Protein backbone atom coordinates (compact mmCIF):
# COMPACT_ATOMS: atom_id res chain seq x y z
CA MET A 1 400.10 152.37 235.12
CA SER A 2 397.45 152.70 232.25
CA PRO A 3 399.04 154.79 229.35
CA ARG A 4 396.13 156.76 229.42
CA ARG A 5 396.81 158.56 232.64
CA PRO A 6 399.96 160.41 231.51
CA ILE A 7 398.25 161.47 228.29
CA LEU A 8 395.27 162.77 230.54
CA ALA A 9 397.66 164.45 232.78
CA PHE A 10 399.52 166.09 230.06
CA ALA A 11 396.26 167.47 228.57
CA LEU A 12 394.99 168.74 231.69
CA ALA A 13 398.22 170.46 232.41
CA SER A 14 398.26 171.88 228.67
CA LEU A 15 394.73 173.22 229.25
CA ILE A 16 395.87 174.95 232.39
CA LEU A 17 398.88 176.42 230.82
CA ALA A 18 397.01 177.54 227.81
CA GLY A 19 394.36 179.14 230.08
CA LEU A 20 396.97 181.05 232.24
CA GLY A 21 398.69 181.96 228.84
CA LEU A 22 395.58 183.49 227.18
CA ARG A 23 394.84 185.59 230.45
CA ASP A 24 395.85 189.21 230.61
CA TRP A 25 397.94 189.69 233.71
CA PRO A 26 398.39 193.05 235.30
CA VAL A 27 401.90 194.22 235.34
CA ASP A 28 403.74 197.31 236.71
CA GLY A 29 403.06 200.03 234.36
CA GLY A 30 406.26 201.88 234.77
CA ARG A 31 408.56 198.83 234.04
CA ALA A 32 406.21 197.81 231.20
CA MET A 33 406.22 201.41 229.47
CA ILE A 34 410.16 201.48 229.74
CA PHE A 35 410.18 198.03 228.36
CA ALA A 36 408.13 198.97 225.43
CA ASP A 37 409.79 202.07 224.82
CA ARG A 38 413.24 200.65 224.65
CA ALA A 39 411.77 198.64 221.68
CA LEU A 40 410.43 201.76 219.88
CA THR A 41 413.40 203.85 220.44
CA ASP A 42 415.29 202.55 217.30
CA PHE A 43 412.43 203.59 215.13
CA GLY A 44 412.72 207.27 216.23
CA VAL A 45 409.63 207.59 218.53
CA ALA A 46 409.34 207.87 222.22
CA LEU A 47 406.55 206.05 224.43
CA THR A 48 404.74 207.35 227.65
CA ALA A 49 401.87 205.74 229.20
CA GLU A 50 399.84 206.57 232.09
CA GLY A 51 397.24 203.75 232.23
CA PRO A 52 397.18 200.24 233.14
CA ALA A 53 399.56 197.69 231.89
CA LYS A 54 398.72 193.94 231.01
CA LEU A 55 400.88 191.11 229.88
CA ARG A 56 399.49 188.17 227.76
CA LEU A 57 401.76 185.11 226.80
CA LEU A 58 399.71 183.22 224.33
CA PRO A 59 399.46 182.80 221.37
CA LEU A 60 402.49 185.42 221.24
CA PRO A 61 403.77 187.44 223.90
CA ARG A 62 402.00 191.00 223.94
CA LEU A 63 401.92 193.97 226.16
CA ALA A 64 398.91 196.22 226.59
CA LEU A 65 399.38 199.73 227.65
CA GLY A 66 396.61 202.31 228.43
CA GLY A 67 396.60 206.19 228.10
CA VAL A 68 399.53 206.19 225.67
CA ARG A 69 401.34 209.15 223.97
CA ILE A 70 403.55 208.62 221.09
CA ALA A 71 406.20 211.34 220.17
CA ALA A 72 408.92 211.97 217.49
CA GLY A 73 411.63 211.32 219.97
CA PRO A 74 411.90 212.41 223.75
CA ALA A 75 411.81 216.14 223.03
CA GLY A 76 409.66 215.95 219.66
CA PRO A 77 406.04 216.89 218.84
CA ALA A 78 403.45 214.25 219.59
CA LEU A 79 402.44 211.87 216.97
CA ALA A 80 399.43 210.30 218.58
CA GLU A 81 397.49 210.19 221.75
CA ALA A 82 395.80 206.80 221.93
CA ASP A 83 393.36 205.00 224.62
CA ARG A 84 395.44 201.66 224.11
CA LEU A 85 398.50 200.29 222.64
CA VAL A 86 399.11 196.65 222.18
CA VAL A 87 402.67 195.76 221.39
CA GLU A 88 403.21 192.35 220.16
CA PHE A 89 406.84 190.83 220.67
CA ASP A 90 408.69 188.84 218.37
CA PRO A 91 409.49 185.36 220.23
CA ARG A 92 412.69 185.04 218.40
CA GLY A 93 413.96 188.36 219.86
CA LEU A 94 412.81 187.40 223.31
CA LEU A 95 414.74 184.38 223.11
CA ALA A 96 417.86 186.15 222.02
CA GLY A 97 417.14 188.67 225.29
CA ARG A 98 416.00 191.47 222.94
CA ALA A 99 412.70 193.44 223.04
CA THR A 100 411.81 192.97 219.31
CA ILE A 101 408.34 194.34 218.09
CA GLY A 102 406.58 191.85 216.02
CA GLY A 103 403.37 194.11 215.60
CA LEU A 104 401.61 197.33 216.98
CA ARG A 105 397.75 197.89 217.35
CA VAL A 106 396.54 201.47 218.38
CA GLU A 107 393.23 201.70 219.48
CA GLY A 108 391.35 205.19 219.51
CA ALA A 109 394.13 207.32 218.50
CA ARG A 110 394.09 211.02 217.93
CA LEU A 111 396.68 211.52 215.25
CA SER A 112 398.77 214.63 214.53
CA PRO A 113 397.63 216.58 211.48
CA ASP A 114 401.06 218.01 211.02
CA ALA A 115 402.95 216.18 208.28
CA GLY A 116 406.20 217.63 209.44
CA ALA A 117 406.04 215.93 212.62
CA TRP A 118 406.03 212.45 210.99
CA SER A 119 409.21 213.33 208.74
CA GLN A 120 411.71 212.01 211.53
CA PRO A 121 410.13 208.53 212.31
CA LEU A 122 409.75 207.87 208.69
CA ALA A 123 413.24 208.78 207.76
CA ARG A 124 414.54 206.79 210.69
CA LEU A 125 412.50 203.63 209.41
CA ALA A 126 413.88 204.34 205.89
CA GLN A 127 417.29 204.47 207.21
CA ARG A 128 416.99 201.28 208.84
CA VAL A 129 415.61 199.59 205.84
CA ARG A 130 418.75 200.97 203.57
CA SER A 131 421.05 199.61 206.11
CA GLY A 132 419.64 196.10 205.87
CA ALA A 133 418.08 195.51 209.27
CA THR A 134 415.52 193.07 209.37
CA GLU A 135 414.08 193.74 212.87
CA ARG A 136 410.71 195.87 212.06
CA PRO A 137 407.02 195.44 213.01
CA ARG A 138 405.45 192.86 210.74
CA TRP A 139 402.00 194.62 211.06
CA ILE A 140 400.64 197.79 212.37
CA ALA A 141 396.84 198.52 212.81
CA LEU A 142 394.93 201.46 213.84
CA THR A 143 391.42 201.26 214.98
CA GLY A 144 389.02 204.00 215.42
CA ALA A 145 391.54 206.80 214.77
CA ARG A 146 390.67 210.17 214.10
CA PHE A 147 392.77 213.54 213.71
CA ALA A 148 393.40 215.76 216.48
CA GLY A 149 391.35 218.90 216.70
CA GLY A 150 388.54 217.50 214.58
CA GLY A 151 389.08 217.60 210.79
CA ASP A 152 387.32 216.11 207.65
CA ALA A 153 388.54 212.52 208.30
CA GLY A 154 387.03 209.99 210.96
CA ASP A 155 386.53 206.45 211.73
CA ILE A 156 389.99 205.71 210.38
CA GLU A 157 390.81 201.94 210.41
CA VAL A 158 394.20 200.96 208.94
CA GLU A 159 395.97 197.58 208.68
CA LEU A 160 399.62 197.41 207.39
CA ASP A 161 401.10 194.10 206.65
CA TRP A 162 404.79 193.29 205.74
CA PRO A 163 405.67 189.72 206.49
CA PHE A 164 409.11 188.82 207.23
CA TRP A 165 409.24 186.19 204.45
CA SER A 166 407.96 188.61 201.79
CA ALA A 167 409.64 191.72 200.12
CA SER A 168 406.11 193.25 199.29
CA ALA A 169 403.92 194.94 201.74
CA GLU A 170 400.07 195.64 201.89
CA ALA A 171 397.97 198.15 203.33
CA ARG A 172 394.15 198.55 203.74
CA ALA A 173 392.40 201.26 205.10
CA SER A 174 388.85 202.70 205.58
CA LEU A 175 387.67 206.16 206.76
CA THR A 176 384.84 208.34 206.53
CA TRP A 177 385.91 211.60 204.75
CA ARG A 178 383.34 214.46 205.02
CA GLY A 179 380.41 212.19 205.76
CA VAL A 180 381.28 209.90 202.96
CA PRO A 181 382.87 206.31 203.58
CA ALA A 182 385.73 205.30 201.47
CA ARG A 183 388.09 202.18 201.28
CA ILE A 184 391.64 202.29 200.27
CA ALA A 185 393.82 199.36 199.08
CA LEU A 186 397.64 199.15 198.25
CA THR A 187 399.37 196.06 197.37
CA HIS A 188 402.70 194.83 195.62
CA LEU A 189 404.51 197.82 196.94
CA ARG A 190 408.10 196.81 198.01
CA PRO A 191 409.48 199.27 200.86
CA THR A 192 412.90 198.16 200.65
CA ASP A 193 413.08 199.28 196.90
CA ILE A 194 411.57 202.51 197.76
CA ALA A 195 413.90 203.18 200.71
CA GLN A 196 417.06 202.33 198.61
CA GLY A 197 415.82 204.98 195.50
CA ARG A 198 414.71 202.08 193.31
CA ARG A 199 411.31 201.94 191.60
CA SER A 200 408.86 199.52 193.09
CA PRO A 201 405.75 198.01 191.57
CA PHE A 202 402.50 198.92 193.16
CA THR A 203 398.52 198.48 192.67
CA ALA A 204 396.24 200.89 194.59
CA GLN A 205 392.39 201.29 194.45
CA MET A 206 390.03 203.52 196.31
CA THR A 207 386.24 203.19 196.15
CA TRP A 208 383.54 205.46 197.53
CA PRO A 209 379.77 205.49 196.93
CA GLY A 210 379.99 208.07 193.95
CA GLY A 211 382.97 206.56 192.18
CA SER A 212 386.30 204.76 192.25
CA LEU A 213 390.03 205.29 191.30
CA ALA A 214 392.43 202.53 190.47
CA ALA A 215 396.21 202.63 189.45
CA ASP A 216 398.81 200.14 188.51
CA GLY A 217 402.32 200.90 187.87
CA THR A 218 405.78 201.83 189.54
CA ALA A 219 406.58 204.21 192.45
CA ALA A 220 409.89 206.06 193.57
CA MET A 221 410.47 208.58 196.33
CA PRO A 222 411.60 211.99 194.67
CA GLU A 223 415.18 213.17 195.32
CA GLY A 224 413.95 216.17 197.38
CA ALA A 225 411.02 216.76 199.54
CA GLY A 226 407.52 216.12 197.64
CA LEU A 227 405.29 213.28 196.62
CA PRO A 228 406.43 210.07 195.20
CA ALA A 229 407.19 209.77 191.45
CA LEU A 230 404.40 207.46 190.07
CA ALA A 231 404.13 205.92 186.46
CA GLY A 232 401.55 203.46 185.17
CA GLN A 233 398.10 202.87 184.12
CA ALA A 234 395.19 204.48 186.07
CA ARG A 235 391.46 204.87 185.85
CA PHE A 236 388.93 207.27 187.43
CA GLU A 237 385.26 207.04 187.38
CA THR A 238 382.55 209.10 189.16
CA ARG A 239 378.66 209.43 188.68
CA SER A 240 378.97 213.14 189.19
CA LEU A 241 382.18 215.11 188.85
CA PRO A 242 380.84 218.29 190.65
CA GLU A 243 379.89 216.14 193.63
CA THR A 244 383.13 214.29 193.81
CA LEU A 245 385.31 217.52 193.53
CA ALA A 246 383.29 219.04 196.31
CA TRP A 247 383.84 216.06 198.34
CA ILE A 248 387.53 216.12 198.26
CA GLY A 249 387.78 219.75 198.58
CA ARG A 250 388.92 220.77 195.16
CA ASP A 251 387.66 222.71 192.39
CA ALA A 252 388.11 222.22 188.63
CA PRO A 253 387.37 224.62 185.51
CA LEU A 254 383.70 224.09 184.09
CA SER A 255 383.25 221.20 186.47
CA LEU A 256 379.47 222.43 187.22
CA LEU A 257 378.52 221.65 183.58
CA ALA A 258 379.71 217.93 183.63
CA GLY A 259 378.01 214.93 185.02
CA ALA A 260 379.02 211.42 184.82
CA PHE A 261 382.78 211.47 184.11
CA SER A 262 385.62 208.91 183.43
CA LEU A 263 389.26 209.09 182.74
CA ALA A 264 391.73 206.29 181.77
CA GLY A 265 395.05 205.95 180.39
CA SER A 266 398.98 205.90 180.98
CA PHE A 267 400.02 208.80 183.30
CA GLU A 268 403.21 209.98 185.11
CA THR A 269 403.58 212.21 188.07
CA ALA A 270 406.34 214.89 188.84
CA ASP A 271 406.06 217.04 191.92
CA ARG A 272 402.93 218.86 191.64
CA SER A 273 401.89 217.71 188.07
CA VAL A 274 400.33 214.73 186.42
CA SER A 275 400.79 214.11 182.66
CA TRP A 276 398.87 211.72 180.32
CA PRO A 277 400.72 210.77 177.27
CA SER A 278 397.76 208.71 176.40
CA LEU A 279 394.28 209.25 177.57
CA ARG A 280 390.61 208.47 177.14
CA VAL A 281 387.85 210.46 178.53
CA GLY A 282 384.27 209.67 179.01
CA LEU A 283 382.05 212.69 179.34
CA GLY A 284 378.16 211.73 179.66
CA ASP A 285 377.76 209.91 176.40
CA ASN A 286 380.94 211.18 174.72
CA VAL A 287 384.27 209.27 174.32
CA LEU A 288 387.41 211.12 173.50
CA GLU A 289 391.03 210.23 173.29
CA GLY A 290 394.23 212.15 173.15
CA ALA A 291 396.85 213.48 175.72
CA GLY A 292 396.80 216.11 178.61
CA ALA A 293 398.43 217.25 181.87
CA VAL A 294 397.13 218.48 185.29
CA THR A 295 399.42 220.85 187.41
CA LEU A 296 398.68 222.42 190.65
CA VAL A 297 399.87 226.10 190.35
CA SER A 298 400.64 227.83 193.56
CA GLY A 299 399.70 231.36 194.13
CA THR A 300 397.45 233.36 196.39
CA ALA A 301 395.38 230.29 196.27
CA THR A 302 396.37 226.87 194.73
CA ARG A 303 394.52 226.52 191.45
CA LEU A 304 394.34 223.48 189.06
CA SER A 305 395.50 223.91 185.66
CA VAL A 306 394.45 221.43 182.97
CA GLN A 307 395.68 221.15 179.51
CA ALA A 308 394.46 218.54 177.10
CA THR A 309 393.97 217.75 173.48
CA LEU A 310 391.32 215.49 172.51
CA ALA A 311 389.32 213.91 169.45
CA ALA A 312 386.41 211.78 168.89
CA GLU A 313 384.51 210.14 166.24
CA THR A 314 381.15 211.68 167.19
CA LEU A 315 380.80 214.40 169.72
CA ASN A 316 377.40 215.39 171.28
CA LEU A 317 377.37 218.96 172.75
CA ALA A 318 373.40 219.11 173.10
CA PRO A 319 373.55 219.11 176.95
CA LEU A 320 376.21 222.07 176.96
CA MET A 321 373.87 224.03 174.39
CA GLY A 322 370.96 223.31 176.61
CA ASP A 323 373.10 224.69 179.51
CA LEU A 324 373.84 227.69 177.42
CA ALA A 325 370.17 228.05 176.13
CA ARG A 326 369.12 228.80 179.83
CA LEU A 327 370.72 232.30 179.43
CA LEU A 328 367.66 232.95 177.47
CA ASP A 329 365.25 231.82 179.91
CA PRO A 330 362.53 234.09 180.94
CA GLU A 331 363.44 233.52 184.78
CA PRO A 332 366.54 235.45 185.66
CA THR A 333 369.60 233.00 185.95
CA PRO A 334 372.72 234.38 187.56
CA LEU A 335 375.78 234.90 185.38
CA ALA A 336 378.68 235.09 187.90
CA LEU A 337 381.57 233.20 186.53
CA ALA A 338 383.21 232.33 189.84
CA PRO A 339 381.62 229.10 190.04
CA LEU A 340 382.91 228.12 186.72
CA THR A 341 386.57 229.57 186.81
CA GLY A 342 387.99 227.62 189.75
CA GLY A 343 391.00 226.39 187.71
CA ASP A 344 392.84 227.21 184.45
CA LEU A 345 391.69 225.05 181.21
CA ASP A 346 393.25 225.06 177.74
CA LEU A 347 391.37 222.25 175.87
CA ARG A 348 391.41 221.45 172.22
CA LEU A 349 388.53 219.41 170.71
CA SER A 350 388.13 217.96 167.26
CA ALA A 351 385.33 215.42 165.99
CA ALA A 352 384.60 213.90 162.80
CA GLU A 353 380.74 214.49 163.67
CA GLY A 354 379.24 216.80 166.14
CA GLN A 355 375.75 217.43 167.45
CA ILE A 356 375.30 221.07 168.55
CA GLY A 357 371.63 221.23 169.94
CA PRO A 358 369.40 219.94 167.12
CA VAL A 359 372.09 220.65 164.49
CA GLN A 360 374.53 218.32 162.98
CA VAL A 361 377.93 219.31 161.87
CA GLN A 362 380.93 217.52 160.46
CA ASP A 363 384.81 218.29 160.76
CA LEU A 364 384.55 220.28 163.86
CA ALA A 365 387.39 221.87 165.67
CA ALA A 366 386.78 223.82 168.96
CA SER A 367 388.72 225.28 171.64
CA VAL A 368 387.91 226.17 175.42
CA LEU A 369 390.02 228.43 177.32
CA VAL A 370 389.23 229.23 181.05
CA ARG A 371 391.25 231.69 183.21
CA ASP A 372 390.58 233.46 186.45
CA ALA A 373 387.24 235.19 185.74
CA ALA A 374 387.24 234.75 182.14
CA ILE A 375 386.02 231.85 179.60
CA GLU A 376 386.37 231.73 175.71
CA ILE A 377 384.82 229.11 173.70
CA ALA A 378 385.74 229.15 170.23
CA LEU A 379 384.26 227.02 167.19
CA ASN A 380 387.27 227.41 165.03
CA ARG A 381 385.75 225.23 162.23
CA ALA A 382 382.69 223.33 161.38
CA ARG A 383 380.92 222.09 158.22
CA LEU A 384 377.35 222.75 158.48
CA GLN A 385 374.92 221.79 155.65
CA ASP A 386 377.50 221.88 153.08
CA GLY A 387 378.92 225.34 154.23
CA THR A 388 381.01 226.36 157.16
CA LEU A 389 380.18 227.81 160.69
CA LYS A 390 382.62 229.77 162.86
CA ALA A 391 381.91 231.37 166.11
CA ARG A 392 383.84 232.67 169.32
CA LEU A 393 382.11 233.19 172.89
CA THR A 394 383.94 235.44 175.51
CA LEU A 395 382.67 235.87 179.04
CA GLU A 396 384.63 237.96 181.45
CA SER A 397 383.95 239.19 184.98
CA GLY A 398 383.22 242.89 185.42
CA ALA A 399 384.23 245.15 188.11
CA ASP A 400 381.65 243.65 190.20
CA PRO A 401 382.32 239.66 190.23
CA ALA A 402 378.58 239.16 190.05
CA ASP A 403 378.48 241.11 186.52
CA THR A 404 379.61 239.30 183.31
CA GLU A 405 380.60 240.95 180.05
CA MET A 406 379.71 238.94 177.05
CA ARG A 407 380.84 239.21 173.73
CA VAL A 408 379.92 236.54 170.76
CA GLN A 409 380.70 236.74 167.08
CA GLY A 410 380.73 234.36 164.22
CA SER A 411 380.01 233.72 160.63
CA LEU A 412 378.19 231.42 158.33
CA ASP A 413 378.91 230.75 154.80
CA ARG A 414 376.95 228.90 152.14
CA VAL A 415 374.79 226.95 154.47
CA ASP A 416 372.01 225.36 152.95
CA LEU A 417 369.05 227.03 154.74
CA GLY A 418 366.36 224.52 153.85
CA SER A 419 368.08 221.54 155.31
CA LEU A 420 368.96 223.73 158.29
CA LEU A 421 365.30 224.65 158.71
CA GLY A 422 364.63 220.86 158.68
CA GLU A 423 366.99 219.91 161.60
CA PHE A 424 365.30 222.60 163.67
CA GLY A 425 361.95 220.68 163.11
CA THR A 426 360.24 223.03 160.93
CA ALA A 427 359.05 222.99 157.44
CA ARG A 428 361.69 224.10 154.71
CA TRP A 429 359.85 227.31 153.82
CA MET A 430 362.92 228.89 152.50
CA VAL A 431 365.71 227.28 150.44
CA GLY A 432 368.97 228.61 149.22
CA PRO A 433 372.74 229.20 150.32
CA LEU A 434 372.81 231.23 153.55
CA GLN A 435 375.58 233.42 154.52
CA GLY A 436 376.03 235.90 157.32
CA GLN A 437 377.79 237.39 160.24
CA PHE A 438 376.98 238.72 163.76
CA SER A 439 379.00 240.46 166.43
CA LEU A 440 376.95 241.12 169.78
CA GLU A 441 377.82 242.01 173.32
CA SER A 442 376.13 242.65 176.63
CA ASN A 443 377.08 243.34 180.38
CA ALA A 444 374.66 241.87 182.98
CA ARG A 445 374.31 240.02 186.26
CA ASP A 446 371.66 237.54 185.16
CA SER A 447 370.12 236.37 181.76
CA ALA A 448 367.30 238.77 181.97
CA GLY A 449 369.71 241.52 181.93
CA LEU A 450 372.02 239.81 179.20
CA LEU A 451 368.86 240.34 176.72
CA ALA A 452 368.12 243.83 178.03
CA HIS A 453 371.69 245.32 177.59
CA LEU A 454 372.39 243.39 174.19
CA GLY A 455 373.97 245.58 171.56
CA GLY A 456 375.56 244.81 168.16
CA ARG A 457 375.00 244.04 164.64
CA ALA A 458 373.72 240.75 162.64
CA SER A 459 373.29 240.14 159.13
CA LEU A 460 371.90 237.17 156.94
CA ALA A 461 371.59 236.85 153.18
CA VAL A 462 370.55 234.13 150.78
CA GLU A 463 371.50 234.35 147.24
CA GLY A 464 369.67 232.73 144.59
CA GLY A 465 367.03 230.95 146.72
CA ALA A 466 363.29 230.51 146.97
CA ILE A 467 360.19 230.83 149.20
CA ALA A 468 358.42 227.36 149.29
CA GLY A 469 354.77 226.66 149.40
CA LEU A 470 353.62 230.49 148.50
CA ASP A 471 353.72 232.32 145.22
CA LEU A 472 354.09 236.17 146.39
CA ALA A 473 353.29 237.20 142.84
CA ASP A 474 349.85 235.75 143.02
CA VAL A 475 349.42 237.32 146.50
CA VAL A 476 349.82 240.78 145.00
CA HIS A 477 347.64 240.07 142.20
CA ARG A 478 344.82 238.94 144.62
CA ASN A 479 345.40 242.14 146.57
CA GLY A 480 346.91 240.13 149.55
CA ALA A 481 344.54 237.42 149.62
CA ILE A 482 345.71 233.78 148.92
CA ALA A 483 343.78 231.26 146.64
CA ALA A 484 341.78 228.91 148.66
CA GLY A 485 343.71 225.71 149.62
CA ALA A 486 347.17 226.83 148.01
CA LEU A 487 348.86 226.71 151.56
CA ALA A 488 347.56 223.00 151.89
CA ARG A 489 348.58 221.99 148.53
CA ARG A 490 351.99 223.73 148.91
CA ASN A 491 352.35 224.24 145.13
CA GLY A 492 353.49 227.71 145.14
CA ARG A 493 356.87 228.88 144.90
CA THR A 494 358.67 232.23 144.77
CA ALA A 495 362.17 232.46 143.33
CA PHE A 496 364.33 235.48 144.42
CA ASP A 497 367.84 236.57 143.39
CA ARG A 498 368.67 237.97 146.88
CA ALA A 499 367.15 238.27 150.24
CA ALA A 500 368.85 239.82 153.23
CA VAL A 501 368.25 241.21 156.52
CA THR A 502 370.57 243.31 158.83
CA LEU A 503 369.75 243.96 162.67
CA ARG A 504 371.35 246.73 164.68
CA PHE A 505 370.54 245.89 168.27
CA SER A 506 370.65 248.31 171.26
CA ASP A 507 369.35 247.55 174.83
CA GLY A 508 367.98 244.23 173.46
CA ILE A 509 365.93 245.96 170.66
CA GLY A 510 366.82 244.96 167.13
CA GLU A 511 366.33 247.59 164.48
CA ILE A 512 365.64 246.20 161.18
CA ALA A 513 368.20 248.56 159.24
CA GLU A 514 367.95 246.87 155.79
CA CYS A 515 365.76 244.15 154.78
CA GLY A 516 364.57 243.24 151.62
CA LEU A 517 363.89 240.48 148.89
CA ARG A 518 364.40 241.06 145.16
CA GLY A 519 363.47 238.37 142.50
CA PRO A 520 362.52 238.14 138.92
CA SER A 521 358.76 238.66 139.52
CA VAL A 522 358.41 240.44 143.02
CA GLY A 523 360.44 242.74 145.34
CA ALA A 524 359.82 243.48 148.83
CA THR A 525 361.32 245.67 151.62
CA LEU A 526 360.81 245.42 155.45
CA TYR A 527 361.31 247.57 158.40
CA GLY A 528 360.64 247.44 162.17
CA GLN A 529 361.84 246.00 165.39
CA VAL A 530 362.75 242.58 167.03
CA SER A 531 362.57 242.75 170.87
CA LEU A 532 364.62 240.27 172.53
CA PRO A 533 363.34 240.59 176.25
CA GLU A 534 359.83 240.36 174.95
CA ARG A 535 360.47 237.81 172.23
CA ARG A 536 358.29 239.70 169.96
CA LEU A 537 358.46 241.01 166.28
CA ARG A 538 356.75 244.20 164.94
CA ALA A 539 357.48 245.09 161.49
CA ARG A 540 355.91 246.56 158.15
CA GLY A 541 356.85 246.44 154.65
CA ASP A 542 355.74 246.43 151.21
CA LEU A 543 355.45 243.90 148.31
CA THR A 544 355.26 244.84 144.59
CA LEU A 545 355.57 243.21 141.27
CA ARG A 546 358.51 243.93 139.17
CA VAL A 547 357.13 243.10 135.72
CA PRO A 548 357.11 246.07 133.20
CA ALA A 549 353.51 245.37 132.32
CA ASP A 550 352.22 246.34 135.72
CA PRO A 551 354.90 247.91 137.83
CA SER A 552 352.72 249.90 140.21
CA ARG A 553 350.76 246.76 141.58
CA GLY A 554 351.91 246.05 145.15
CA LEU A 555 350.63 245.95 148.66
CA LEU A 556 351.61 246.97 152.21
CA PHE A 557 351.67 244.41 155.06
CA GLU A 558 352.33 243.93 158.81
CA VAL A 559 354.01 241.16 160.57
CA SER A 560 353.77 240.94 164.28
CA GLY A 561 353.36 238.77 167.42
CA PRO A 562 355.58 236.31 169.35
CA TRP A 563 358.26 234.70 167.62
CA ASP A 564 356.58 231.27 167.61
CA ALA A 565 353.19 232.72 166.49
CA LEU A 566 353.75 235.25 163.95
CA ASN A 567 350.99 236.81 161.85
CA ALA A 568 350.87 238.73 158.74
CA GLN A 569 348.24 240.75 157.28
CA THR A 570 347.96 243.48 154.53
CA LEU A 571 347.50 247.22 155.36
CA PRO A 572 345.28 249.75 153.28
CA ARG A 573 347.41 252.13 151.47
CA GLY A 574 347.68 255.63 153.10
CA GLU A 575 349.26 257.42 155.91
CA GLY A 576 348.49 256.43 159.26
CA ALA A 577 346.65 253.26 158.27
CA GLU A 578 346.84 250.89 161.36
CA LEU A 579 343.91 248.07 160.41
CA PRO A 580 344.01 245.52 157.79
CA SER A 581 342.12 246.34 154.73
CA ARG A 582 340.48 242.72 154.35
CA SER A 583 340.44 239.27 155.71
CA GLY A 584 341.19 236.04 154.36
CA GLU A 585 343.93 233.50 154.43
CA THR A 586 346.95 234.84 156.49
CA MET A 587 350.04 235.56 154.46
CA LEU A 588 352.26 233.57 156.76
CA SER A 589 350.70 230.03 157.35
CA ASP A 590 352.18 227.94 160.41
CA PRO A 591 354.87 226.29 158.23
CA LEU A 592 356.09 229.80 157.49
CA LYS A 593 356.47 231.05 160.84
CA LEU A 594 359.75 231.17 162.90
CA PRO A 595 359.90 228.27 165.03
CA ALA A 596 360.73 228.61 168.70
CA ALA A 597 364.11 226.71 168.31
CA LEU A 598 365.63 229.38 166.01
CA GLY A 599 365.04 231.74 168.82
CA LEU A 600 366.93 229.56 171.20
CA THR A 601 364.05 229.62 173.88
CA GLY A 602 364.46 228.17 177.12
CA ASN A 603 363.11 224.63 176.13
CA ALA A 604 365.52 224.45 173.26
CA ARG A 605 366.92 221.22 175.22
CA ALA A 606 363.55 219.60 173.93
CA TYR A 607 365.10 219.94 170.41
CA ALA A 608 368.37 217.81 171.30
CA PRO A 609 368.48 214.16 170.61
């Protein structure tokens, strides 16, 4: 006999057997269910099936059941109802006469959202691991799963792998959460160490279209009920913090003011809190380092409480100043604090250099406190143009949550006024050390009402300064006219000993209570009103010579118009005079007019770098 014939016969028989082994054979559903249920009983779950059953022998023996219900024990709550369950048996157990499960695949499952229902099977599995039992599923897969009763999660795909030759388990999952796809991966986890109360290494990563979260460290189960205790390194990035928080269904204080955000450093978890002994935060263009902690505080509603102490070499607050400047926009902006106070915040900030709108400061120290329906922002210290600046802003919700009460106070001490004007992008028309203080308050539900109800007091003074580009004594000698070309040449100068102004505000109108200038050659006084809602100034004053030879020489003048287009003209002496006595060059040229930036108009962001 030719040796080829036995080989061909063997190959043909093998193909026949393989074809038979790879085919799904219908079997009795009742007996198949009892056989599979007996294999799952050791893991604390009970199985019932109403659909057809099929058996496949190759490449590994597996049993497929339709219309499956998996429960936590014979009388326990349902864990999952699935369209199909595939049980892969371990050949070694079958050879020993036992139904040992090698793997499970659940298709089209409706999972129970009750976390308590899963506690008994998980505790049973942990007990088996601690006892040293080696019989367990090597892999578990979920496809097309969702939570029963709807919910935010859908399209759940899960793969768990724990090979018998490895102490480490891996998990990969994908799902759609509130319409956004996400992927999760967990590797290097040692379930035996976790079950026996030891710490296990782990590496985890989660990605979604708007950001990512990665962690690498150790994990351990807590002594009582609660979340695992984690420690290690983590990094979180998102292109939009408000969008990410809304996606996960969580709120954070002042999150609406943030944009791109990143966080990285060492962390530790304990029950409902996460502490960051070493922390690096990226907020827009700013990078800060320090330490912090995040805690979930229980109450009528769970709130997120954040504490942090952060420092930076440079800190750019221009975007924040732009948001605050919108409070002065002509268009009403709602002032309700609820969207900004969805959590507690205790933040301490410091920076060697800072940018506040168009102004640069040094040695900055600030704090931000957020509580339920209240915000306090304090600039505790900042060096500004060789002087110091301090300020505090407090916002509180009124009896009506839509109303907001505002209080702001602060002080300036020996600030170089000329350099400050230069930073605002205008000519240095006045120089000297500036000092002052202000205390203002208001109550409104939108930005327009905030200005209309503003009240308080503000005062500014300059000691030993000068007006650059204009000689007021020469203006008096010329009866209010200015020499031709004098403003263009800017060779005039008026030195003064003191210039001061005090404003008392009521319902958005600032009454000029005291305003005067005293110098070696001239003296001036001013009275009138500043309207914040209309952004206009209307004031009158007098300018006189102080030289003994001609003390009676002087003139009356009027300053009026919008803040960014002030006009000053002389008036005739005499009661009731309303018209200017002469034409000629205006007393205030463009370089001497108050720039719009000083009024913090709505386009103040344009002055930020």
